[in-house]
Structure formats: structure tokens, C-alpha cells
Amino acid sequence: MLILLAFTFSDPQQATTLPTSPDHENTTSRSTTMNINLASIIAAMAIKVLLSIFGTLGNLLVLLVILTNFRLASASNLLLANLASVDLLCLAFVTPGGIYRTFCRELVLCHAPDAFVLVHGGIVQFVVAASASSLFAIAVDRFIAISLPFKYTTLMTRTRAFYCILLSWLISASVAFIFVCLQFFYVQSIYCILLILVTVSIYLHIFVFALKKERQIAALQVSNIRRGTNFLHERKSTKTMAIILGVFIAAWVPAVAFYATVPPHDQQFLNIQNWINVIYFLNAALNPFIYGVRSSHFRKRVRLLIKTTMTRFRL
């Protein structure tokens, strides 16, 4: 598969997950593609606009809920805020930038400056790598919380969570630099594939351990009910993050398969690429709503934040 990826991403403007087609196509071929797929392109752009708006607001809400209670925020909350920050960057910059490039490339209504194309491509690479890194860090946090509950507060401090976040951003920036500047097109595919495989393995181990723990909880005496309740809470949080991981994989795998099998010169490449990007943006926009559905505590904090904000405006 990596050989196919190398062939597919031999153009430096083609990112592993959200690449852009080469800008050296002639005007005639662009016009033909535009005429054939105009309705599809406009529909995809309209959906991207909606995802950008609602996803940006949703992730901002997640960050506000955590930051307004920053002193009480746990290591898990900080890692979750990190993922929301990456999703926010994706929806607030990558998505609008992609729409702008669609206007310039497919619709030929403007010209995207080379500097913008380069920066946008680099941030695309950073966002994908940072998402995978954030999910890995959260998986490690959940592993410690479930497997070593009595050592969790000692092992996963806020300081160590900050270090994990900083390290994930530095590594992701390095991946983007290597891909864009050094033009080593394997780097993001290798990094994300390996990281996702390890992350999935961690969650599998967690759920196997959780099944054994549940049997033990069923045999606990009344004096140990509180300990069982804490475990069930951690297990629910782990399931929520496993769902987030599943959504990410469901959005990322089609992109990898598409760029590995459909050549850039294919007549339908741009048309399919637009919808592949929509699927990935949908992943970033859905995360805040998954938190809301799965976490009553998050919903309570959101209601409190809205109530407090409305009270301030009334005053």
C-alpha cells in the first residue's frame, strides 16, 4: 500500500488526507471538468460552508467549557481541549482555505497565490498528523485511567498533559515540514498508519481489561460500590473516545484508499476529491456533538455557560 501511496502523492501539492490536485492542468481540461461536475462541486462547497460554521462553533464551545473551568480541568480535559483545538484549526482555516482554492482551481474564478497554497498545504498536513497524535495521547490517558486507576492522578498530571500536547504539536509540525519542504511523501502516511494501529491496539486492550473488571465489580460488596461507580464512569469516557477514534478512522481510510487508487489525471478525480474532503471535515465537526450526546456533565456545563453568558448580556 505504501508503494501505491508514494506513486499517488508524487506531486508536492497532493496531501495524504486532504491533498489538492495539481494546478498545472490546462484551462480546457478545467472547463470540461467544471461543466461535468459543476452541480457536485457547488453542493460539496455548500456542505463545507455549513460544516465550517457549525463545526467551528461546536469546537469553540468545547474549548470555552474547559477554559472557563481551567483550574478544575483534569489531564483528560486538557487532552480533549487539544483535540478540539486541532479540529477548530481544521474547520476555521483548512476548510475555508479549501473552498477558496476550489473557487480558483475548479471554477477558475480567481488565482490562489503560491504562498497561500504552500501554507495551506502545510497546515493540512499538520492537522491530519495532529489529529492522529491527539487521539493517541487520549488513548494512553484512557489506558492509564482504566488499567491503573490508583496511580492515575500521579502518572497523568496536568504538567505531563501539557508536555504531551506540546510534543504532539512539535511532531506534527515536523511531519508537515518534511512532507511540504523536503517532499518526502511517505512520512504522513507512515506516521498516521502506525499511530492509528497502536491507538486501536490500546483500545482493544482497554476493552478486554474492562470486561474482566466488570465481572469483578459484579462481585463487589456494598462497601466497594463507590470504586465500581468510578470505574464505570471511566469506562463510559473511554467508550466515548473510542467512538471519536472510530469516526476519525471512518473519515481517514476512504481518503487513503482514494488517493492510492485514483490517479490525479482521472476525469472524476476532482469531483470525488471534493466529497472525500467533505467526509474528513464532517469528522472534525461531529466531535463536539458526540461529546454532547455521550456526556451529561458536558451538557450541564454548556447549559451553565449559556445561562451565565445570557445573564451578563442582560446586565
C-alpha atoms as a PDB file:
ATOM      1  CA  MET A   1       0.000   0.000   0.000  1.00  0.00           C
ATOM      2  CA  LEU A   2       2.864   2.379   0.759  1.00  0.00           C
ATOM      3  CA  ILE A   3       4.163   1.898  -2.794  1.00  0.00           C
ATOM      4  CA  LEU A   4       0.785   2.979  -4.115  1.00  0.00           C
ATOM      5  CA  LEU A   5       0.782   5.945  -1.762  1.00  0.00           C
ATOM      6  CA  ALA A   6       4.190   7.015  -2.976  1.00  0.00           C
ATOM      7  CA  PHE A   7       3.020   6.911  -6.581  1.00  0.00           C
ATOM      8  CA  THR A   8      -0.167   8.785  -5.809  1.00  0.00           C
ATOM      9  CA  PHE A   9       1.470  11.545  -3.785  1.00  0.00           C
ATOM     10  CA  SER A  10       4.412  12.200  -6.024  1.00  0.00           C
ATOM     11  CA  ASP A  11       3.039  15.712  -6.600  1.00  0.00           C
ATOM     12  CA  PRO A  12       4.031  18.013  -3.683  1.00  0.00           C
ATOM     13  CA  GLN A  13       0.620  19.707  -3.711  1.00  0.00           C
ATOM     14  CA  GLN A  14      -1.169  16.438  -3.043  1.00  0.00           C
ATOM     15  CA  ALA A  15      -1.579  15.845   0.682  1.00  0.00           C
ATOM     16  CA  THR A  16      -2.113  12.400   2.101  1.00  0.00           C
ATOM     17  CA  THR A  17      -5.530  13.108   3.505  1.00  0.00           C
ATOM     18  CA  LEU A  18      -6.688  16.394   2.054  1.00  0.00           C
ATOM     19  CA  PRO A  19      -4.449  16.943  -0.949  1.00  0.00           C
ATOM     20  CA  THR A  20      -5.147  19.316  -3.746  1.00  0.00           C
ATOM     21  CA  SER A  21      -4.948  18.470  -7.385  1.00  0.00           C
ATOM     22  CA  PRO A  22      -2.069  19.828  -9.476  1.00  0.00           C
ATOM     23  CA  ASP A  23      -2.527  23.419 -10.554  1.00  0.00           C
ATOM     24  CA  HIS A  24      -0.736  22.888 -13.852  1.00  0.00           C
ATOM     25  CA  GLU A  25      -3.783  21.499 -15.661  1.00  0.00           C
ATOM     26  CA  ASN A  26      -4.675  23.407 -18.817  1.00  0.00           C
ATOM     27  CA  THR A  27      -7.734  25.632 -18.991  1.00  0.00           C
ATOM     28  CA  THR A  28      -9.566  23.385 -21.438  1.00  0.00           C
ATOM     29  CA  SER A  29      -9.450  20.333 -19.166  1.00  0.00           C
ATOM     30  CA  ARG A  30     -10.519  22.506 -16.220  1.00  0.00           C
ATOM     31  CA  SER A  31     -13.504  23.833 -18.108  1.00  0.00           C
ATOM     32  CA  THR A  32     -14.562  20.344 -19.170  1.00  0.00           C
ATOM     33  CA  THR A  33     -14.349  19.049 -15.599  1.00  0.00           C
ATOM     34  CA  MET A  34     -16.192  22.116 -14.335  1.00  0.00           C
ATOM     35  CA  ASN A  35     -19.055  21.645 -16.812  1.00  0.00           C
ATOM     36  CA  ILE A  36     -19.455  17.974 -15.945  1.00  0.00           C
ATOM     37  CA  ASN A  37     -19.231  18.350 -12.170  1.00  0.00           C
ATOM     38  CA  LEU A  38     -20.450  21.898 -11.537  1.00  0.00           C
ATOM     39  CA  ALA A  39     -23.529  20.828  -9.539  1.00  0.00           C
ATOM     40  CA  SER A  40     -21.472  18.381  -7.486  1.00  0.00           C
ATOM     41  CA  ILE A  41     -18.765  20.976  -6.774  1.00  0.00           C
ATOM     42  CA  ILE A  42     -21.326  23.589  -5.659  1.00  0.00           C
ATOM     43  CA  ALA A  43     -23.136  21.043  -3.446  1.00  0.00           C
ATOM     44  CA  ALA A  44     -19.860  19.970  -1.810  1.00  0.00           C
ATOM     45  CA  MET A  45     -18.856  23.598  -1.241  1.00  0.00           C
ATOM     46  CA  ALA A  46     -22.229  24.394   0.355  1.00  0.00           C
ATOM     47  CA  ILE A  47     -21.839  21.459   2.758  1.00  0.00           C
ATOM     48  CA  LYS A  48     -18.270  22.534   3.564  1.00  0.00           C
ATOM     49  CA  VAL A  49     -19.522  26.028   4.453  1.00  0.00           C
ATOM     50  CA  LEU A  50     -22.137  24.579   6.827  1.00  0.00           C
ATOM     51  CA  LEU A  51     -19.612  22.192   8.393  1.00  0.00           C
ATOM     52  CA  SER A  52     -17.140  25.030   8.819  1.00  0.00           C
ATOM     53  CA  ILE A  53     -19.692  27.248  10.591  1.00  0.00           C
ATOM     54  CA  PHE A  54     -21.311  24.663  12.876  1.00  0.00           C
ATOM     55  CA  GLY A  55     -18.071  22.761  13.493  1.00  0.00           C
ATOM     56  CA  THR A  56     -16.197  25.935  14.420  1.00  0.00           C
ATOM     57  CA  LEU A  57     -18.944  26.960  16.849  1.00  0.00           C
ATOM     58  CA  GLY A  58     -19.091  23.446  18.332  1.00  0.00           C
ATOM     59  CA  ASN A  59     -15.356  23.189  18.946  1.00  0.00           C
ATOM     60  CA  LEU A  60     -15.244  26.744  20.311  1.00  0.00           C
ATOM     61  CA  LEU A  61     -17.942  25.691  22.752  1.00  0.00           C
ATOM     62  CA  VAL A  62     -15.854  22.696  23.877  1.00  0.00           C
ATOM     63  CA  LEU A  63     -12.847  24.963  24.448  1.00  0.00           C
ATOM     64  CA  LEU A  64     -14.920  27.550  26.318  1.00  0.00           C
ATOM     65  CA  VAL A  65     -16.419  24.895  28.614  1.00  0.00           C
ATOM     66  CA  ILE A  66     -12.946  23.636  29.506  1.00  0.00           C
ATOM     67  CA  LEU A  67     -11.215  27.020  29.736  1.00  0.00           C
ATOM     68  CA  THR A  68     -13.909  28.578  31.932  1.00  0.00           C
ATOM     69  CA  ASN A  69     -13.201  25.776  34.412  1.00  0.00           C
ATOM     70  CA  PHE A  70      -9.465  25.681  33.737  1.00  0.00           C
ATOM     71  CA  ARG A  71      -8.431  25.444  37.388  1.00  0.00           C
ATOM     72  CA  LEU A  72     -10.559  22.319  37.784  1.00  0.00           C
ATOM     73  CA  ALA A  73      -9.608  20.850  34.404  1.00  0.00           C
ATOM     74  CA  SER A  74      -8.067  17.388  34.612  1.00  0.00           C
ATOM     75  CA  ALA A  75      -5.380  15.953  32.334  1.00  0.00           C
ATOM     76  CA  SER A  76      -8.155  14.283  30.318  1.00  0.00           C
ATOM     77  CA  ASN A  77      -9.896  17.639  29.844  1.00  0.00           C
ATOM     78  CA  LEU A  78      -6.681  19.242  28.591  1.00  0.00           C
ATOM     79  CA  LEU A  79      -6.112  16.446  26.064  1.00  0.00           C
ATOM     80  CA  LEU A  80      -9.703  16.813  24.919  1.00  0.00           C
ATOM     81  CA  ALA A  81      -9.184  20.573  24.547  1.00  0.00           C
ATOM     82  CA  ASN A  82      -6.126  19.820  22.424  1.00  0.00           C
ATOM     83  CA  LEU A  83      -8.190  17.673  20.049  1.00  0.00           C
ATOM     84  CA  ALA A  84     -10.849  20.402  19.894  1.00  0.00           C
ATOM     85  CA  SER A  85      -8.117  22.935  19.044  1.00  0.00           C
ATOM     86  CA  VAL A  86      -6.920  20.810  16.135  1.00  0.00           C
ATOM     87  CA  ASP A  87     -10.490  20.356  14.886  1.00  0.00           C
ATOM     88  CA  LEU A  88     -11.025  24.112  15.224  1.00  0.00           C
ATOM     89  CA  LEU A  89      -7.928  24.806  13.132  1.00  0.00           C
ATOM     90  CA  CYS A  90      -9.213  22.373  10.523  1.00  0.00           C
ATOM     91  CA  LEU A  91     -12.697  23.910  10.297  1.00  0.00           C
ATOM     92  CA  ALA A  92     -11.770  27.572  10.783  1.00  0.00           C
ATOM     93  CA  PHE A  93      -8.801  27.673   8.379  1.00  0.00           C
ATOM     94  CA  VAL A  94      -8.348  24.491   6.335  1.00  0.00           C
ATOM     95  CA  THR A  95     -11.987  24.257   5.242  1.00  0.00           C
ATOM     96  CA  PRO A  96     -12.379  27.932   4.155  1.00  0.00           C
ATOM     97  CA  GLY A  97      -8.953  27.728   2.503  1.00  0.00           C
ATOM     98  CA  GLY A  98     -10.059  24.640   0.618  1.00  0.00           C
ATOM     99  CA  ILE A  99     -13.223  26.410  -0.527  1.00  0.00           C
ATOM    100  CA  TYR A 100     -11.147  29.364  -1.742  1.00  0.00           C
ATOM    101  CA  ARG A 101      -8.840  27.041  -3.668  1.00  0.00           C
ATOM    102  CA  THR A 102     -11.881  25.340  -5.207  1.00  0.00           C
ATOM    103  CA  PHE A 103     -13.050  28.715  -6.497  1.00  0.00           C
ATOM    104  CA  CYS A 104      -9.615  29.269  -8.020  1.00  0.00           C
ATOM    105  CA  ARG A 105      -8.908  25.764  -9.289  1.00  0.00           C
ATOM    106  CA  GLU A 106     -12.157  24.115 -10.355  1.00  0.00           C
ATOM    107  CA  LEU A 107     -14.294  27.190 -11.063  1.00  0.00           C
ATOM    108  CA  VAL A 108     -11.369  29.284 -12.364  1.00  0.00           C
ATOM    109  CA  LEU A 109     -12.771  32.442 -10.752  1.00  0.00           C
ATOM    110  CA  CYS A 110      -9.542  33.633  -9.149  1.00  0.00           C
ATOM    111  CA  HIS A 111      -5.857  32.842  -8.697  1.00  0.00           C
ATOM    112  CA  ALA A 112      -4.581  31.411  -5.414  1.00  0.00           C
ATOM    113  CA  PRO A 113      -1.144  32.889  -4.540  1.00  0.00           C
ATOM    114  CA  ASP A 114       1.649  30.334  -4.383  1.00  0.00           C
ATOM    115  CA  ALA A 115       2.478  31.368  -0.807  1.00  0.00           C
ATOM    116  CA  PHE A 116      -1.108  30.684   0.295  1.00  0.00           C
ATOM    117  CA  VAL A 117      -1.140  27.298  -1.443  1.00  0.00           C
ATOM    118  CA  LEU A 118       2.108  26.337   0.301  1.00  0.00           C
ATOM    119  CA  VAL A 119       0.963  27.469   3.762  1.00  0.00           C
ATOM    120  CA  HIS A 120      -2.467  25.894   3.360  1.00  0.00           C
ATOM    121  CA  GLY A 121      -0.924  22.604   2.241  1.00  0.00           C
ATOM    122  CA  GLY A 122       1.426  22.615   5.217  1.00  0.00           C
ATOM    123  CA  ILE A 123      -1.414  23.220   7.686  1.00  0.00           C
ATOM    124  CA  VAL A 124      -3.412  20.412   6.065  1.00  0.00           C
ATOM    125  CA  GLN A 125      -0.536  18.027   6.768  1.00  0.00           C
ATOM    126  CA  PHE A 126      -0.191  19.357  10.307  1.00  0.00           C
ATOM    127  CA  VAL A 127      -3.908  18.957  11.080  1.00  0.00           C
ATOM    128  CA  VAL A 128      -4.060  15.317   9.994  1.00  0.00           C
ATOM    129  CA  ALA A 129      -0.898  14.368  11.905  1.00  0.00           C
ATOM    130  CA  ALA A 130      -2.007  16.372  14.972  1.00  0.00           C
ATOM    131  CA  SER A 131      -5.412  14.660  14.991  1.00  0.00           C
ATOM    132  CA  ALA A 132      -3.790  11.226  14.994  1.00  0.00           C
ATOM    133  CA  SER A 133      -1.330  12.348  17.699  1.00  0.00           C
ATOM    134  CA  SER A 134      -4.126  13.758  19.875  1.00  0.00           C
ATOM    135  CA  LEU A 135      -6.138  10.550  19.630  1.00  0.00           C
ATOM    136  CA  PHE A 136      -3.060   8.533  20.569  1.00  0.00           C
ATOM    137  CA  ALA A 137      -2.423  10.729  23.638  1.00  0.00           C
ATOM    138  CA  ILE A 138      -6.060  10.356  24.706  1.00  0.00           C
ATOM    139  CA  ALA A 139      -5.830   6.570  24.259  1.00  0.00           C
ATOM    140  CA  VAL A 140      -2.784   6.441  26.556  1.00  0.00           C
ATOM    141  CA  ASP A 141      -4.648   8.568  29.106  1.00  0.00           C
ATOM    142  CA  ARG A 142      -7.649   6.218  28.992  1.00  0.00           C
ATOM    143  CA  PHE A 143      -5.358   3.179  29.290  1.00  0.00           C
ATOM    144  CA  ILE A 144      -3.831   4.535  32.498  1.00  0.00           C
ATOM    145  CA  ALA A 145      -7.235   5.565  33.901  1.00  0.00           C
ATOM    146  CA  ILE A 146      -8.707   2.094  33.346  1.00  0.00           C
ATOM    147  CA  SER A 147      -5.696  -0.142  33.980  1.00  0.00           C
ATOM    148  CA  LEU A 148      -4.016   1.837  36.801  1.00  0.00           C
ATOM    149  CA  PRO A 149      -6.817   3.819  38.493  1.00  0.00           C
ATOM    150  CA  PHE A 150      -4.975   4.261  41.805  1.00  0.00           C
ATOM    151  CA  LYS A 151      -1.862   5.633  40.088  1.00  0.00           C
ATOM    152  CA  TYR A 152      -3.703   7.736  37.511  1.00  0.00           C
ATOM    153  CA  THR A 153      -3.560  11.079  39.331  1.00  0.00           C
ATOM    154  CA  THR A 154       0.153  10.562  39.957  1.00  0.00           C
ATOM    155  CA  LEU A 155       1.044   9.452  36.428  1.00  0.00           C
ATOM    156  CA  MET A 156      -1.231  11.792  34.448  1.00  0.00           C
ATOM    157  CA  THR A 157      -0.702  15.234  35.932  1.00  0.00           C
ATOM    158  CA  ARG A 158      -1.675  18.480  34.219  1.00  0.00           C
ATOM    159  CA  THR A 159       2.018  19.250  33.651  1.00  0.00           C
ATOM    160  CA  ARG A 160       2.565  15.949  31.853  1.00  0.00           C
ATOM    161  CA  ALA A 161      -0.572  16.541  29.817  1.00  0.00           C
ATOM    162  CA  PHE A 162       0.883  19.899  28.688  1.00  0.00           C
ATOM    163  CA  TYR A 163       4.119  18.147  27.709  1.00  0.00           C
ATOM    164  CA  CYS A 164       2.162  15.554  25.727  1.00  0.00           C
ATOM    165  CA  ILE A 165       0.292  18.309  23.882  1.00  0.00           C
ATOM    166  CA  LEU A 166       3.496  20.224  23.136  1.00  0.00           C
ATOM    167  CA  LEU A 167       5.216  17.063  21.897  1.00  0.00           C
ATOM    168  CA  SER A 168       2.292  16.146  19.640  1.00  0.00           C
ATOM    169  CA  TRP A 169       2.318  19.619  18.047  1.00  0.00           C
ATOM    170  CA  LEU A 170       6.086  19.559  17.524  1.00  0.00           C
ATOM    171  CA  ILE A 171       5.986  16.110  15.916  1.00  0.00           C
ATOM    172  CA  SER A 172       3.027  17.076  13.714  1.00  0.00           C
ATOM    173  CA  ALA A 173       4.804  20.267  12.623  1.00  0.00           C
ATOM    174  CA  SER A 174       7.882  18.176  11.771  1.00  0.00           C
ATOM    175  CA  VAL A 175       5.743  15.804   9.694  1.00  0.00           C
ATOM    176  CA  ALA A 176       4.260  18.754   7.794  1.00  0.00           C
ATOM    177  CA  PHE A 177       7.714  20.275   7.235  1.00  0.00           C
ATOM    178  CA  ILE A 178       9.157  17.000   5.925  1.00  0.00           C
ATOM    179  CA  PHE A 179       6.187  16.475   3.601  1.00  0.00           C
ATOM    180  CA  VAL A 180       5.938  20.015   2.196  1.00  0.00           C
ATOM    181  CA  CYS A 181       9.538  21.269   2.266  1.00  0.00           C
ATOM    182  CA  LEU A 182      11.597  18.078   1.914  1.00  0.00           C
ATOM    183  CA  GLN A 183       8.922  16.449  -0.279  1.00  0.00           C
ATOM    184  CA  PHE A 184       9.161  13.074   1.422  1.00  0.00           C
ATOM    185  CA  PHE A 185       5.609  11.992   0.653  1.00  0.00           C
ATOM    186  CA  TYR A 186       5.660   8.763   2.654  1.00  0.00           C
ATOM    187  CA  VAL A 187       6.072  10.476   6.006  1.00  0.00           C
ATOM    188  CA  GLN A 188       2.477  11.355   6.841  1.00  0.00           C
ATOM    189  CA  SER A 189       1.079   8.014   5.657  1.00  0.00           C
ATOM    190  CA  ILE A 190       3.641   6.025   7.636  1.00  0.00           C
ATOM    191  CA  TYR A 191       3.241   8.173  10.749  1.00  0.00           C
ATOM    192  CA  CYS A 192      -0.560   8.156  10.800  1.00  0.00           C
ATOM    193  CA  ILE A 193      -0.954   4.479   9.893  1.00  0.00           C
ATOM    194  CA  LEU A 194       1.449   3.331  12.609  1.00  0.00           C
ATOM    195  CA  LEU A 195      -0.058   5.669  15.197  1.00  0.00           C
ATOM    196  CA  ILE A 196      -3.623   4.615  14.420  1.00  0.00           C
ATOM    197  CA  LEU A 197      -2.697   0.913  14.592  1.00  0.00           C
ATOM    198  CA  VAL A 198      -1.096   1.438  18.010  1.00  0.00           C
ATOM    199  CA  THR A 199      -4.086   3.509  19.186  1.00  0.00           C
ATOM    200  CA  VAL A 200      -6.565   0.826  18.102  1.00  0.00           C
ATOM    201  CA  SER A 201      -4.453  -1.807  19.864  1.00  0.00           C
ATOM    202  CA  ILE A 202      -4.555   0.232  23.075  1.00  0.00           C
ATOM    203  CA  TYR A 203      -8.345   0.487  22.966  1.00  0.00           C
ATOM    204  CA  LEU A 204      -8.669  -3.246  22.306  1.00  0.00           C
ATOM    205  CA  HIS A 205      -6.525  -3.911  25.365  1.00  0.00           C
ATOM    206  CA  ILE A 206      -8.640  -1.468  27.395  1.00  0.00           C
ATOM    207  CA  PHE A 207     -11.903  -3.153  26.481  1.00  0.00           C
ATOM    208  CA  VAL A 208     -10.537  -6.637  27.223  1.00  0.00           C
ATOM    209  CA  PHE A 209      -9.399  -5.379  30.616  1.00  0.00           C
ATOM    210  CA  ALA A 210     -12.754  -3.635  31.170  1.00  0.00           C
ATOM    211  CA  LEU A 211     -14.688  -6.861  30.587  1.00  0.00           C
ATOM    212  CA  LYS A 212     -12.640  -8.609  33.262  1.00  0.00           C
ATOM    213  CA  LYS A 213     -13.106  -5.647  35.600  1.00  0.00           C
ATOM    214  CA  GLU A 214     -16.876  -5.669  35.131  1.00  0.00           C
ATOM    215  CA  ARG A 215     -17.040  -9.252  36.339  1.00  0.00           C
ATOM    216  CA  GLN A 216     -15.114  -8.246  39.434  1.00  0.00           C
ATOM    217  CA  ILE A 217     -17.419  -5.275  40.043  1.00  0.00           C
ATOM    218  CA  ALA A 218     -20.442  -7.556  39.914  1.00  0.00           C
ATOM    219  CA  ALA A 219     -18.984  -9.490  42.867  1.00  0.00           C
ATOM    220  CA  LEU A 220     -18.078  -6.408  44.946  1.00  0.00           C
ATOM    221  CA  GLN A 221     -19.663  -5.833  48.345  1.00  0.00           C
ATOM    222  CA  VAL A 222     -21.712  -2.720  49.157  1.00  0.00           C
ATOM    223  CA  SER A 223     -18.662  -1.024  50.731  1.00  0.00           C
ATOM    224  CA  ASN A 224     -16.930  -1.046  47.347  1.00  0.00           C
ATOM    225  CA  ILE A 225     -19.776   0.397  45.309  1.00  0.00           C
ATOM    226  CA  ARG A 226     -18.068   3.787  45.001  1.00  0.00           C
ATOM    227  CA  ARG A 227     -14.976   2.204  43.481  1.00  0.00           C
ATOM    228  CA  GLY A 228     -17.176   0.391  40.950  1.00  0.00           C
ATOM    229  CA  THR A 229     -19.005   3.604  40.121  1.00  0.00           C
ATOM    230  CA  ASN A 230     -15.721   5.392  39.392  1.00  0.00           C
ATOM    231  CA  PHE A 231     -14.678   2.576  37.099  1.00  0.00           C
ATOM    232  CA  LEU A 232     -17.973   2.698  35.209  1.00  0.00           C
ATOM    233  CA  HIS A 233     -17.515   6.452  34.713  1.00  0.00           C
ATOM    234  CA  GLU A 234     -14.014   5.937  33.308  1.00  0.00           C
ATOM    235  CA  ARG A 235     -15.297   3.156  31.081  1.00  0.00           C
ATOM    236  CA  LYS A 236     -18.002   5.414  29.631  1.00  0.00           C
ATOM    237  CA  SER A 237     -15.402   8.120  28.942  1.00  0.00           C
ATOM    238  CA  THR A 238     -13.232   5.521  27.229  1.00  0.00           C
ATOM    239  CA  LYS A 239     -16.122   4.375  25.047  1.00  0.00           C
ATOM    240  CA  THR A 240     -16.779   7.984  24.037  1.00  0.00           C
ATOM    241  CA  MET A 241     -13.167   8.469  22.937  1.00  0.00           C
ATOM    242  CA  ALA A 242     -13.235   5.104  21.138  1.00  0.00           C
ATOM    243  CA  ILE A 243     -16.233   6.399  19.161  1.00  0.00           C
ATOM    244  CA  ILE A 244     -14.249   9.549  18.316  1.00  0.00           C
ATOM    245  CA  LEU A 245     -11.394   7.337  17.097  1.00  0.00           C
ATOM    246  CA  GLY A 246     -13.803   5.224  15.040  1.00  0.00           C
ATOM    247  CA  VAL A 247     -15.238   8.321  13.356  1.00  0.00           C
ATOM    248  CA  PHE A 248     -11.721   9.551  12.567  1.00  0.00           C
ATOM    249  CA  ILE A 249     -10.746   6.206  11.015  1.00  0.00           C
ATOM    250  CA  ALA A 250     -14.005   6.091   9.031  1.00  0.00           C
ATOM    251  CA  ALA A 251     -13.187   9.547   7.613  1.00  0.00           C
ATOM    252  CA  TRP A 252      -9.481   8.917   7.039  1.00  0.00           C
ATOM    253  CA  VAL A 253      -9.464   5.436   5.450  1.00  0.00           C
ATOM    254  CA  PRO A 254     -11.604   6.423   2.404  1.00  0.00           C
ATOM    255  CA  ALA A 255      -9.163   9.257   1.706  1.00  0.00           C
ATOM    256  CA  VAL A 256      -6.168   6.917   1.839  1.00  0.00           C
ATOM    257  CA  ALA A 257      -7.942   4.399  -0.421  1.00  0.00           C
ATOM    258  CA  PHE A 258      -8.967   7.122  -2.871  1.00  0.00           C
ATOM    259  CA  TYR A 259      -5.536   8.702  -3.268  1.00  0.00           C
ATOM    260  CA  ALA A 260      -3.923   5.271  -3.504  1.00  0.00           C
ATOM    261  CA  THR A 261      -6.179   4.053  -6.327  1.00  0.00           C
ATOM    262  CA  VAL A 262      -7.455   7.053  -8.335  1.00  0.00           C
ATOM    263  CA  PRO A 263      -4.791   8.836 -10.427  1.00  0.00           C
ATOM    264  CA  PRO A 264      -4.858  12.671 -10.462  1.00  0.00           C
ATOM    265  CA  HIS A 265      -5.450  12.717 -14.229  1.00  0.00           C
ATOM    266  CA  ASP A 266      -8.676  10.710 -13.877  1.00  0.00           C
ATOM    267  CA  GLN A 267     -11.676  12.658 -15.201  1.00  0.00           C
ATOM    268  CA  GLN A 268     -13.590  12.207 -11.947  1.00  0.00           C
ATOM    269  CA  PHE A 269     -10.640  12.913  -9.627  1.00  0.00           C
ATOM    270  CA  LEU A 270     -11.641  16.459  -8.610  1.00  0.00           C
ATOM    271  CA  ASN A 271     -15.305  15.533  -8.240  1.00  0.00           C
ATOM    272  CA  ILE A 272     -14.588  12.599  -5.904  1.00  0.00           C
ATOM    273  CA  GLN A 273     -11.868  14.542  -4.076  1.00  0.00           C
ATOM    274  CA  ASN A 274     -14.367  17.218  -3.039  1.00  0.00           C
ATOM    275  CA  TRP A 275     -16.596  14.643  -1.353  1.00  0.00           C
ATOM    276  CA  ILE A 276     -13.640  12.854   0.251  1.00  0.00           C
ATOM    277  CA  ASN A 277     -12.730  16.192   1.845  1.00  0.00           C
ATOM    278  CA  VAL A 278     -16.344  16.685   2.963  1.00  0.00           C
ATOM    279  CA  ILE A 279     -16.169  13.355   4.824  1.00  0.00           C
ATOM    280  CA  TYR A 280     -12.994  14.404   6.620  1.00  0.00           C
ATOM    281  CA  PHE A 281     -14.397  17.811   7.592  1.00  0.00           C
ATOM    282  CA  LEU A 282     -17.541  16.058   8.842  1.00  0.00           C
ATOM    283  CA  ASN A 283     -15.330  14.113  11.259  1.00  0.00           C
ATOM    284  CA  ALA A 284     -13.943  17.319  12.802  1.00  0.00           C
ATOM    285  CA  ALA A 285     -17.409  18.873  13.018  1.00  0.00           C
ATOM    286  CA  LEU A 286     -19.070  15.841  14.643  1.00  0.00           C
ATOM    287  CA  ASN A 287     -16.757  15.504  17.647  1.00  0.00           C
ATOM    288  CA  PRO A 288     -18.372  18.232  19.827  1.00  0.00           C
ATOM    289  CA  PHE A 289     -21.820  16.743  19.215  1.00  0.00           C
ATOM    290  CA  ILE A 290     -20.555  13.277  20.188  1.00  0.00           C
ATOM    291  CA  TYR A 291     -19.365  14.755  23.491  1.00  0.00           C
ATOM    292  CA  GLY A 292     -22.813  16.290  23.995  1.00  0.00           C
ATOM    293  CA  VAL A 293     -24.677  13.058  23.319  1.00  0.00           C
ATOM    294  CA  ARG A 294     -22.368  10.903  25.449  1.00  0.00           C
ATOM    295  CA  SER A 295     -21.657  13.209  28.410  1.00  0.00           C
ATOM    296  CA  SER A 296     -24.356  14.586  30.703  1.00  0.00           C
ATOM    297  CA  HIS A 297     -21.643  16.564  32.524  1.00  0.00           C
ATOM    298  CA  PHE A 298     -20.674  18.302  29.277  1.00  0.00           C
ATOM    299  CA  ARG A 299     -24.300  19.167  28.544  1.00  0.00           C
ATOM    300  CA  LYS A 300     -24.677  20.562  32.057  1.00  0.00           C
ATOM    301  CA  ARG A 301     -21.566  22.734  31.617  1.00  0.00           C
ATOM    302  CA  VAL A 302     -22.816  24.017  28.253  1.00  0.00           C
ATOM    303  CA  ARG A 303     -26.194  24.997  29.737  1.00  0.00           C
ATOM    304  CA  LEU A 304     -24.430  26.744  32.623  1.00  0.00           C
ATOM    305  CA  LEU A 305     -22.124  28.600  30.220  1.00  0.00           C
ATOM    306  CA  ILE A 306     -25.037  29.748  28.054  1.00  0.00           C
ATOM    307  CA  LYS A 307     -27.032  30.804  31.117  1.00  0.00           C
ATOM    308  CA  THR A 308     -24.073  32.777  32.520  1.00  0.00           C
ATOM    309  CA  THR A 309     -23.417  34.453  29.157  1.00  0.00           C
ATOM    310  CA  MET A 310     -27.063  35.480  28.741  1.00  0.00           C
ATOM    311  CA  THR A 311     -27.125  36.898  32.281  1.00  0.00           C
ATOM    312  CA  ARG A 312     -24.047  39.021  31.573  1.00  0.00           C
ATOM    313  CA  PHE A 313     -25.560  40.412  28.376  1.00  0.00           C
ATOM    314  CA  ARG A 314     -28.777  41.308  30.196  1.00  0.00           C
ATOM    315  CA  LEU A 315     -26.752  43.282  32.728  1.00  0.00           C
END
